[in-house]
Amino acid sequence: MTACPTLHTERLVLRPFTDDDVAPYAATLQAAEVRAALHLGDTVTEDDAWFQMAAFLGQWALRGTGQWALEERATGRFVGRAGLHNPHRASWPGIEVGWTLHPDAWGQGYATEAGDAAVAYGFDVLELDELVSVILHENARSQAVARRLGFTPAEEQVLAHFPSMPHVVWRLRREDWTG
């Protein structure tokens, strides 16, 4: 399909992952707050981070969607990931706008800024009719980002790969997008 494009927002560069991102991405996944929000185990390794990064890049090549590495434009500092997630999973509800940032970057509006760029890419470039965001009930921070982006909670779903807790599927239709 396509390689991962690079996008620029006011404060961020959304770009393909590189080998240089392994350590900072692993540090993001290892942060206690991120592990709690995503229900990750206590041992997230650089190997785990590398395999996720490779899967995101592969998704771009196979499906034309994926996650971008996020860096601050002013400093070049890696702050997390965001993008359009469309994994090959049973019961997956659609192309998801998602984000995971290092806690040092929380509260600065980066998730909303990156999410807005992902929504625009999905609707303007990929010409999708609908996007979803899949969020656990307890993840109030991500729910707030989804609301700011225009998503509304639509239904609760137990995902086949995560049967222990239901998620809320938030939806945004192209005709409801105000971007």
N, C-alpha and C. Protein backbone atom coordinates (compact mmCIF):
# COMPACT_ATOMS: atom_id res chain seq x y z
N MET A 1 0.83 -1.18 0.00
CA MET A 1 0.00 0.00 0.00
C MET A 1 0.88 1.25 0.00
N THR A 2 1.31 1.68 1.20
CA THR A 2 2.06 2.92 1.27
C THR A 2 3.00 2.90 2.48
N ALA A 3 4.05 3.62 2.36
CA ALA A 3 4.94 3.79 3.51
C ALA A 3 4.33 4.84 4.43
N CYS A 4 4.75 4.83 5.64
CA CYS A 4 4.27 5.79 6.63
C CYS A 4 4.66 7.21 6.22
N PRO A 5 3.67 8.09 6.05
CA PRO A 5 3.99 9.48 5.70
C PRO A 5 4.46 10.25 6.93
N THR A 6 5.04 11.40 6.71
CA THR A 6 5.42 12.31 7.79
C THR A 6 4.48 13.51 7.73
N LEU A 7 3.91 13.86 8.89
CA LEU A 7 3.02 15.00 9.00
C LEU A 7 3.60 15.99 10.00
N HIS A 8 3.25 17.25 9.83
CA HIS A 8 3.68 18.29 10.77
C HIS A 8 2.45 19.02 11.29
N THR A 9 2.41 19.19 12.59
CA THR A 9 1.38 20.03 13.20
C THR A 9 2.10 21.25 13.78
N GLU A 10 1.38 22.06 14.49
CA GLU A 10 1.99 23.26 15.05
C GLU A 10 3.20 22.93 15.92
N ARG A 11 3.08 21.89 16.76
CA ARG A 11 4.15 21.60 17.73
C ARG A 11 4.77 20.23 17.58
N LEU A 12 4.24 19.39 16.68
CA LEU A 12 4.68 18.00 16.59
C LEU A 12 5.08 17.61 15.17
N VAL A 13 5.95 16.62 15.11
CA VAL A 13 6.22 15.90 13.86
C VAL A 13 5.69 14.48 14.09
N LEU A 14 4.82 14.03 13.20
CA LEU A 14 4.30 12.67 13.21
C LEU A 14 5.06 11.96 12.09
N ARG A 15 5.89 10.99 12.44
CA ARG A 15 6.82 10.41 11.47
C ARG A 15 6.93 8.91 11.68
N PRO A 16 7.54 8.22 10.71
CA PRO A 16 7.77 6.78 10.89
C PRO A 16 8.72 6.52 12.07
N PHE A 17 8.52 5.40 12.71
CA PHE A 17 9.44 4.97 13.76
C PHE A 17 10.79 4.63 13.15
N THR A 18 11.86 4.83 13.92
CA THR A 18 13.22 4.45 13.53
C THR A 18 13.84 3.65 14.67
N ASP A 19 14.98 3.03 14.40
CA ASP A 19 15.69 2.29 15.45
C ASP A 19 16.04 3.18 16.64
N ASP A 20 16.25 4.46 16.40
CA ASP A 20 16.57 5.38 17.50
C ASP A 20 15.42 5.55 18.48
N ASP A 21 14.22 5.13 18.10
CA ASP A 21 13.04 5.28 18.96
C ASP A 21 12.86 4.12 19.94
N VAL A 22 13.64 3.06 19.80
CA VAL A 22 13.40 1.88 20.63
C VAL A 22 13.48 2.23 22.12
N ALA A 23 14.56 2.83 22.55
CA ALA A 23 14.72 3.12 23.99
C ALA A 23 13.67 4.12 24.49
N PRO A 24 13.44 5.25 23.80
CA PRO A 24 12.42 6.16 24.34
C PRO A 24 11.00 5.59 24.27
N TYR A 25 10.72 4.77 23.25
CA TYR A 25 9.39 4.17 23.20
C TYR A 25 9.24 3.13 24.31
N ALA A 26 10.29 2.35 24.55
CA ALA A 26 10.24 1.39 25.67
C ALA A 26 10.05 2.14 26.98
N ALA A 27 10.73 3.26 27.16
CA ALA A 27 10.56 4.05 28.39
C ALA A 27 9.13 4.54 28.53
N THR A 28 8.49 4.89 27.42
CA THR A 28 7.08 5.29 27.46
C THR A 28 6.22 4.14 27.93
N LEU A 29 6.42 2.96 27.35
CA LEU A 29 5.62 1.79 27.72
C LEU A 29 5.93 1.30 29.13
N GLN A 30 7.14 1.58 29.63
CA GLN A 30 7.53 1.14 30.97
C GLN A 30 7.04 2.09 32.06
N ALA A 31 6.62 3.30 31.70
CA ALA A 31 6.14 4.24 32.72
C ALA A 31 4.93 3.66 33.43
N ALA A 32 4.93 3.74 34.74
CA ALA A 32 3.86 3.13 35.54
C ALA A 32 2.48 3.62 35.12
N GLU A 33 2.36 4.90 34.81
CA GLU A 33 1.06 5.45 34.43
C GLU A 33 0.57 4.87 33.11
N VAL A 34 1.48 4.65 32.17
CA VAL A 34 1.12 4.08 30.87
C VAL A 34 0.76 2.62 31.04
N ARG A 35 1.57 1.89 31.82
CA ARG A 35 1.26 0.47 32.06
C ARG A 35 -0.11 0.33 32.69
N ALA A 36 -0.45 1.20 33.63
CA ALA A 36 -1.76 1.13 34.28
C ALA A 36 -2.87 1.45 33.28
N ALA A 37 -2.70 2.50 32.49
CA ALA A 37 -3.74 2.92 31.55
C ALA A 37 -4.00 1.88 30.47
N LEU A 38 -2.95 1.19 30.04
CA LEU A 38 -3.07 0.21 28.96
C LEU A 38 -3.14 -1.23 29.46
N HIS A 39 -3.07 -1.40 30.78
CA HIS A 39 -3.06 -2.73 31.39
C HIS A 39 -1.93 -3.59 30.85
N LEU A 40 -0.73 -3.00 30.81
CA LEU A 40 0.46 -3.72 30.40
C LEU A 40 1.08 -4.39 31.61
N GLY A 41 1.80 -5.46 31.38
CA GLY A 41 2.47 -6.15 32.47
C GLY A 41 3.61 -5.32 33.05
N ASP A 42 4.19 -5.80 34.11
CA ASP A 42 5.28 -5.08 34.78
C ASP A 42 6.58 -5.14 34.00
N THR A 43 6.69 -6.07 33.08
CA THR A 43 7.94 -6.20 32.34
C THR A 43 7.71 -5.93 30.85
N VAL A 44 7.82 -4.68 30.49
CA VAL A 44 7.78 -4.28 29.08
C VAL A 44 9.23 -4.00 28.70
N THR A 45 9.72 -4.72 27.71
CA THR A 45 11.13 -4.64 27.36
C THR A 45 11.34 -3.81 26.08
N GLU A 46 12.60 -3.53 25.80
CA GLU A 46 12.92 -2.89 24.53
C GLU A 46 12.56 -3.81 23.37
N ASP A 47 12.66 -5.12 23.56
CA ASP A 47 12.23 -6.06 22.52
C ASP A 47 10.74 -5.87 22.22
N ASP A 48 9.93 -5.74 23.29
CA ASP A 48 8.49 -5.52 23.11
C ASP A 48 8.23 -4.23 22.34
N ALA A 49 8.96 -3.18 22.70
CA ALA A 49 8.80 -1.89 22.02
C ALA A 49 9.17 -2.03 20.54
N TRP A 50 10.28 -2.71 20.28
CA TRP A 50 10.72 -2.89 18.89
C TRP A 50 9.68 -3.64 18.07
N PHE A 51 9.12 -4.71 18.63
CA PHE A 51 8.12 -5.48 17.90
C PHE A 51 6.86 -4.65 17.64
N GLN A 52 6.46 -3.83 18.59
CA GLN A 52 5.31 -2.95 18.34
C GLN A 52 5.62 -1.96 17.22
N MET A 53 6.81 -1.35 17.28
CA MET A 53 7.20 -0.40 16.24
C MET A 53 7.21 -1.07 14.87
N ALA A 54 7.75 -2.28 14.79
CA ALA A 54 7.79 -3.01 13.53
C ALA A 54 6.38 -3.31 13.03
N ALA A 55 5.48 -3.65 13.96
CA ALA A 55 4.09 -3.92 13.58
C ALA A 55 3.42 -2.65 13.05
N PHE A 56 3.69 -1.51 13.67
CA PHE A 56 3.10 -0.25 13.19
C PHE A 56 3.59 0.06 11.78
N LEU A 57 4.89 -0.10 11.55
CA LEU A 57 5.44 0.15 10.21
C LEU A 57 4.89 -0.85 9.20
N GLY A 58 4.75 -2.10 9.61
CA GLY A 58 4.17 -3.11 8.73
C GLY A 58 2.72 -2.82 8.40
N GLN A 59 1.98 -2.30 9.36
CA GLN A 59 0.59 -1.95 9.12
C GLN A 59 0.48 -0.85 8.05
N TRP A 60 1.41 0.13 8.12
CA TRP A 60 1.42 1.15 7.07
C TRP A 60 1.62 0.51 5.71
N ALA A 61 2.57 -0.42 5.62
CA ALA A 61 2.88 -1.05 4.33
C ALA A 61 1.73 -1.93 3.83
N LEU A 62 1.06 -2.62 4.75
CA LEU A 62 0.01 -3.56 4.36
C LEU A 62 -1.37 -2.94 4.21
N ARG A 63 -1.67 -1.94 5.05
CA ARG A 63 -3.04 -1.43 5.11
C ARG A 63 -3.17 0.07 4.88
N GLY A 64 -2.04 0.78 4.84
CA GLY A 64 -2.11 2.22 4.64
C GLY A 64 -2.52 2.98 5.88
N THR A 65 -2.48 2.31 7.03
CA THR A 65 -2.75 2.93 8.33
C THR A 65 -1.69 2.47 9.31
N GLY A 66 -1.55 3.18 10.40
CA GLY A 66 -0.60 2.79 11.43
C GLY A 66 -0.38 3.90 12.42
N GLN A 67 0.56 3.70 13.29
CA GLN A 67 0.89 4.69 14.31
C GLN A 67 2.13 5.45 13.86
N TRP A 68 2.16 6.73 14.21
CA TRP A 68 3.32 7.56 13.99
C TRP A 68 4.10 7.70 15.29
N ALA A 69 5.42 7.83 15.18
CA ALA A 69 6.23 8.29 16.30
C ALA A 69 5.97 9.80 16.41
N LEU A 70 5.86 10.29 17.64
CA LEU A 70 5.62 11.71 17.86
C LEU A 70 6.86 12.36 18.43
N GLU A 71 7.26 13.45 17.84
CA GLU A 71 8.37 14.21 18.42
C GLU A 71 8.00 15.68 18.45
N GLU A 72 8.52 16.36 19.44
CA GLU A 72 8.34 17.81 19.52
C GLU A 72 9.11 18.47 18.39
N ARG A 73 8.47 19.36 17.69
CA ARG A 73 9.16 20.06 16.59
C ARG A 73 10.30 20.91 17.11
N ALA A 74 10.10 21.58 18.23
CA ALA A 74 11.11 22.52 18.74
C ALA A 74 12.36 21.83 19.23
N THR A 75 12.22 20.61 19.81
CA THR A 75 13.36 19.97 20.45
C THR A 75 13.79 18.65 19.81
N GLY A 76 12.90 18.03 19.03
CA GLY A 76 13.17 16.71 18.49
C GLY A 76 12.97 15.59 19.50
N ARG A 77 12.48 15.93 20.70
CA ARG A 77 12.28 14.93 21.76
C ARG A 77 11.13 14.00 21.40
N PHE A 78 11.35 12.68 21.54
CA PHE A 78 10.32 11.68 21.35
C PHE A 78 9.33 11.80 22.51
N VAL A 79 8.03 11.91 22.19
CA VAL A 79 7.03 12.05 23.26
C VAL A 79 5.99 10.93 23.26
N GLY A 80 5.98 10.08 22.23
CA GLY A 80 5.01 8.99 22.23
C GLY A 80 4.64 8.55 20.83
N ARG A 81 3.41 8.05 20.71
CA ARG A 81 2.90 7.58 19.43
C ARG A 81 1.43 7.94 19.31
N ALA A 82 0.97 8.04 18.08
CA ALA A 82 -0.45 8.26 17.80
C ALA A 82 -0.70 7.90 16.36
N GLY A 83 -1.96 7.67 16.03
CA GLY A 83 -2.26 7.40 14.65
C GLY A 83 -3.52 6.61 14.44
N LEU A 84 -3.53 5.89 13.33
CA LEU A 84 -4.69 5.14 12.86
C LEU A 84 -4.36 3.65 12.95
N HIS A 85 -5.01 2.98 13.86
CA HIS A 85 -4.70 1.58 14.15
C HIS A 85 -5.79 0.69 13.54
N ASN A 86 -5.38 -0.26 12.73
CA ASN A 86 -6.32 -1.16 12.08
C ASN A 86 -5.73 -2.58 12.08
N PRO A 87 -5.64 -3.17 13.26
CA PRO A 87 -5.01 -4.49 13.36
C PRO A 87 -5.89 -5.60 12.79
N HIS A 88 -5.26 -6.71 12.48
CA HIS A 88 -6.00 -7.90 12.07
C HIS A 88 -6.35 -8.66 13.34
N ARG A 89 -7.51 -8.31 13.91
CA ARG A 89 -7.96 -8.92 15.17
C ARG A 89 -9.45 -9.23 15.06
N ALA A 90 -9.82 -10.39 15.58
CA ALA A 90 -11.24 -10.73 15.65
C ALA A 90 -11.94 -9.68 16.52
N SER A 91 -13.08 -9.25 16.12
CA SER A 91 -13.96 -8.32 16.82
C SER A 91 -13.46 -6.87 16.87
N TRP A 92 -12.41 -6.53 16.12
CA TRP A 92 -11.92 -5.15 16.13
C TRP A 92 -12.96 -4.27 15.44
N PRO A 93 -13.37 -3.14 16.05
CA PRO A 93 -14.53 -2.39 15.56
C PRO A 93 -14.30 -1.45 14.38
N GLY A 94 -13.08 -1.21 13.95
CA GLY A 94 -12.85 -0.30 12.83
C GLY A 94 -11.48 0.32 12.90
N ILE A 95 -11.25 1.34 12.09
CA ILE A 95 -9.96 2.03 12.11
C ILE A 95 -9.97 2.99 13.28
N GLU A 96 -9.03 2.76 14.19
CA GLU A 96 -9.01 3.47 15.47
C GLU A 96 -8.01 4.62 15.47
N VAL A 97 -8.45 5.75 15.95
CA VAL A 97 -7.54 6.84 16.28
C VAL A 97 -7.11 6.59 17.72
N GLY A 98 -5.80 6.45 17.93
CA GLY A 98 -5.29 6.16 19.26
C GLY A 98 -4.01 6.91 19.53
N TRP A 99 -3.61 6.95 20.80
CA TRP A 99 -2.44 7.70 21.23
C TRP A 99 -1.91 7.09 22.51
N THR A 100 -0.60 7.14 22.67
CA THR A 100 0.07 6.78 23.91
C THR A 100 1.27 7.70 24.03
N LEU A 101 1.29 8.50 25.07
CA LEU A 101 2.37 9.45 25.27
C LEU A 101 3.08 9.17 26.59
N HIS A 102 4.34 9.53 26.64
CA HIS A 102 5.08 9.44 27.89
C HIS A 102 4.44 10.40 28.88
N PRO A 103 4.31 10.02 30.15
CA PRO A 103 3.69 10.90 31.13
C PRO A 103 4.33 12.29 31.22
N ASP A 104 5.61 12.42 30.89
CA ASP A 104 6.23 13.74 30.89
C ASP A 104 5.59 14.67 29.86
N ALA A 105 4.89 14.10 28.87
CA ALA A 105 4.25 14.90 27.82
C ALA A 105 2.75 15.05 28.04
N TRP A 106 2.22 14.48 29.13
CA TRP A 106 0.79 14.59 29.41
C TRP A 106 0.44 16.02 29.81
N GLY A 107 -0.79 16.39 29.53
CA GLY A 107 -1.30 17.68 29.96
C GLY A 107 -0.85 18.86 29.11
N GLN A 108 -0.23 18.59 27.97
CA GLN A 108 0.26 19.66 27.11
C GLN A 108 -0.54 19.77 25.80
N GLY A 109 -1.56 18.94 25.66
CA GLY A 109 -2.38 18.99 24.46
C GLY A 109 -1.81 18.21 23.28
N TYR A 110 -0.72 17.48 23.49
CA TYR A 110 -0.10 16.73 22.39
C TYR A 110 -0.99 15.61 21.88
N ALA A 111 -1.68 14.89 22.76
CA ALA A 111 -2.55 13.80 22.31
C ALA A 111 -3.67 14.34 21.43
N THR A 112 -4.25 15.46 21.83
CA THR A 112 -5.31 16.06 21.02
C THR A 112 -4.77 16.56 19.70
N GLU A 113 -3.61 17.19 19.71
CA GLU A 113 -3.00 17.71 18.48
C GLU A 113 -2.68 16.57 17.51
N ALA A 114 -2.09 15.50 18.02
CA ALA A 114 -1.76 14.35 17.17
C ALA A 114 -3.03 13.63 16.73
N GLY A 115 -3.98 13.48 17.64
CA GLY A 115 -5.25 12.84 17.30
C GLY A 115 -5.99 13.60 16.22
N ASP A 116 -5.97 14.93 16.30
CA ASP A 116 -6.61 15.76 15.29
C ASP A 116 -5.96 15.54 13.92
N ALA A 117 -4.64 15.44 13.89
CA ALA A 117 -3.94 15.18 12.63
C ALA A 117 -4.31 13.80 12.09
N ALA A 118 -4.45 12.81 12.97
CA ALA A 118 -4.82 11.46 12.54
C ALA A 118 -6.25 11.45 11.99
N VAL A 119 -7.17 12.14 12.66
CA VAL A 119 -8.55 12.22 12.17
C VAL A 119 -8.57 12.87 10.79
N ALA A 120 -7.87 13.99 10.63
CA ALA A 120 -7.83 14.67 9.34
C ALA A 120 -7.26 13.76 8.26
N TYR A 121 -6.21 13.02 8.58
CA TYR A 121 -5.62 12.09 7.62
C TYR A 121 -6.64 11.02 7.23
N GLY A 122 -7.33 10.48 8.22
CA GLY A 122 -8.33 9.44 7.96
C GLY A 122 -9.45 9.92 7.07
N PHE A 123 -9.96 11.12 7.34
CA PHE A 123 -11.08 11.62 6.55
C PHE A 123 -10.65 12.27 5.24
N ASP A 124 -9.59 13.07 5.27
CA ASP A 124 -9.18 13.82 4.08
C ASP A 124 -8.34 12.99 3.10
N VAL A 125 -7.42 12.21 3.61
CA VAL A 125 -6.51 11.46 2.73
C VAL A 125 -7.06 10.07 2.42
N LEU A 126 -7.47 9.35 3.46
CA LEU A 126 -7.98 7.99 3.25
C LEU A 126 -9.45 7.96 2.87
N GLU A 127 -10.13 9.10 3.01
CA GLU A 127 -11.54 9.24 2.66
C GLU A 127 -12.43 8.22 3.36
N LEU A 128 -12.15 8.00 4.65
CA LEU A 128 -12.95 7.08 5.45
C LEU A 128 -14.27 7.75 5.83
N ASP A 129 -15.27 6.93 6.07
CA ASP A 129 -16.58 7.44 6.50
C ASP A 129 -16.71 7.52 8.01
N GLU A 130 -15.91 6.69 8.73
CA GLU A 130 -16.01 6.65 10.19
C GLU A 130 -14.68 6.23 10.80
N LEU A 131 -14.41 6.77 11.96
CA LEU A 131 -13.26 6.37 12.77
C LEU A 131 -13.78 5.99 14.15
N VAL A 132 -13.01 5.16 14.85
CA VAL A 132 -13.37 4.77 16.21
C VAL A 132 -12.19 5.07 17.13
N SER A 133 -12.48 5.09 18.40
CA SER A 133 -11.45 5.10 19.43
C SER A 133 -11.91 4.12 20.49
N VAL A 134 -11.05 3.20 20.86
CA VAL A 134 -11.38 2.10 21.77
C VAL A 134 -10.71 2.39 23.11
N ILE A 135 -11.54 2.66 24.13
CA ILE A 135 -11.02 3.18 25.40
C ILE A 135 -11.63 2.42 26.57
N LEU A 136 -10.80 2.03 27.51
CA LEU A 136 -11.30 1.40 28.73
C LEU A 136 -12.11 2.41 29.55
N HIS A 137 -13.11 1.91 30.29
CA HIS A 137 -13.98 2.77 31.11
C HIS A 137 -13.19 3.68 32.05
N GLU A 138 -12.14 3.16 32.61
CA GLU A 138 -11.40 3.90 33.65
C GLU A 138 -10.44 4.94 33.10
N ASN A 139 -10.23 4.98 31.79
CA ASN A 139 -9.23 5.87 31.21
C ASN A 139 -9.85 7.24 30.90
N ALA A 140 -10.05 8.02 31.95
CA ALA A 140 -10.71 9.32 31.83
C ALA A 140 -9.91 10.29 30.96
N ARG A 141 -8.59 10.22 31.02
CA ARG A 141 -7.77 11.14 30.22
C ARG A 141 -7.99 10.91 28.72
N SER A 142 -7.99 9.65 28.30
CA SER A 142 -8.22 9.37 26.89
C SER A 142 -9.65 9.68 26.48
N GLN A 143 -10.59 9.48 27.37
CA GLN A 143 -11.98 9.84 27.08
C GLN A 143 -12.08 11.35 26.83
N ALA A 144 -11.36 12.14 27.61
CA ALA A 144 -11.39 13.60 27.43
C ALA A 144 -10.80 13.98 26.08
N VAL A 145 -9.72 13.31 25.67
CA VAL A 145 -9.13 13.58 24.35
C VAL A 145 -10.14 13.22 23.26
N ALA A 146 -10.75 12.05 23.38
CA ALA A 146 -11.73 11.62 22.38
C ALA A 146 -12.86 12.64 22.25
N ARG A 147 -13.35 13.13 23.37
CA ARG A 147 -14.41 14.16 23.34
C ARG A 147 -13.95 15.41 22.62
N ARG A 148 -12.73 15.87 22.93
CA ARG A 148 -12.21 17.07 22.27
C ARG A 148 -12.10 16.88 20.76
N LEU A 149 -11.85 15.66 20.33
CA LEU A 149 -11.72 15.36 18.90
C LEU A 149 -13.09 15.20 18.22
N GLY A 150 -14.16 15.15 19.00
CA GLY A 150 -15.50 15.02 18.44
C GLY A 150 -16.09 13.63 18.50
N PHE A 151 -15.39 12.67 19.07
CA PHE A 151 -15.91 11.32 19.21
C PHE A 151 -16.99 11.29 20.29
N THR A 152 -17.94 10.38 20.13
CA THR A 152 -18.96 10.16 21.16
C THR A 152 -18.99 8.66 21.49
N PRO A 153 -19.24 8.34 22.76
CA PRO A 153 -19.32 6.92 23.14
C PRO A 153 -20.53 6.27 22.47
N ALA A 154 -20.30 5.12 21.85
CA ALA A 154 -21.37 4.48 21.09
C ALA A 154 -21.83 3.16 21.70
N GLU A 155 -20.89 2.31 22.06
CA GLU A 155 -21.27 1.02 22.63
C GLU A 155 -20.11 0.44 23.43
N GLU A 156 -20.48 -0.50 24.28
CA GLU A 156 -19.48 -1.25 25.05
C GLU A 156 -19.21 -2.54 24.30
N GLN A 157 -17.92 -2.94 24.30
CA GLN A 157 -17.56 -4.16 23.58
C GLN A 157 -16.46 -4.89 24.33
N VAL A 158 -16.59 -6.20 24.42
CA VAL A 158 -15.52 -7.04 24.93
C VAL A 158 -14.71 -7.48 23.72
N LEU A 159 -13.44 -7.16 23.72
CA LEU A 159 -12.57 -7.49 22.60
C LEU A 159 -12.00 -8.90 22.78
N ALA A 160 -11.94 -9.64 21.69
CA ALA A 160 -11.49 -11.03 21.76
C ALA A 160 -10.09 -11.15 22.34
N HIS A 161 -9.21 -10.20 22.04
CA HIS A 161 -7.83 -10.28 22.53
C HIS A 161 -7.67 -9.70 23.94
N PHE A 162 -8.75 -9.13 24.49
CA PHE A 162 -8.71 -8.51 25.82
C PHE A 162 -10.04 -8.81 26.53
N PRO A 163 -10.31 -10.09 26.79
CA PRO A 163 -11.64 -10.46 27.28
C PRO A 163 -11.92 -10.12 28.74
N SER A 164 -10.90 -9.68 29.48
CA SER A 164 -11.10 -9.45 30.92
C SER A 164 -11.84 -8.16 31.25
N MET A 165 -11.87 -7.20 30.33
CA MET A 165 -12.52 -5.92 30.61
C MET A 165 -13.19 -5.38 29.35
N PRO A 166 -14.41 -4.91 29.48
CA PRO A 166 -15.04 -4.30 28.30
C PRO A 166 -14.44 -2.92 28.01
N HIS A 167 -14.43 -2.58 26.76
CA HIS A 167 -13.99 -1.26 26.30
C HIS A 167 -15.21 -0.49 25.80
N VAL A 168 -15.10 0.81 25.77
CA VAL A 168 -16.13 1.63 25.14
C VAL A 168 -15.61 2.00 23.76
N VAL A 169 -16.43 1.76 22.76
CA VAL A 169 -16.10 2.14 21.40
C VAL A 169 -16.70 3.52 21.15
N TRP A 170 -15.83 4.48 20.93
CA TRP A 170 -16.23 5.85 20.61
C TRP A 170 -16.22 5.97 19.09
N ARG A 171 -17.17 6.71 18.54
CA ARG A 171 -17.27 6.82 17.08
C ARG A 171 -17.30 8.28 16.64
N LEU A 172 -16.74 8.50 15.47
CA LEU A 172 -16.80 9.81 14.81
C LEU A 172 -17.04 9.56 13.33
N ARG A 173 -18.18 10.04 12.85
CA ARG A 173 -18.51 9.93 11.43
C ARG A 173 -18.04 11.17 10.70
N ARG A 174 -17.65 10.99 9.46
CA ARG A 174 -17.15 12.09 8.64
C ARG A 174 -18.12 13.28 8.66
N GLU A 175 -19.41 13.03 8.52
CA GLU A 175 -20.37 14.14 8.45
C GLU A 175 -20.52 14.88 9.78
N ASP A 176 -20.06 14.28 10.87
CA ASP A 176 -20.11 14.94 12.18
C ASP A 176 -18.82 15.65 12.54
N TRP A 177 -17.79 15.47 11.72
CA TRP A 177 -16.47 16.04 11.99
C TRP A 177 -16.48 17.53 11.68
N THR A 178 -15.95 18.30 12.60
CA THR A 178 -15.95 19.76 12.42
C THR A 178 -14.58 20.29 12.00
N GLY A 179 -13.64 19.40 11.75
CA GLY A 179 -12.28 19.79 11.40
C GLY A 179 -12.22 20.47 10.09
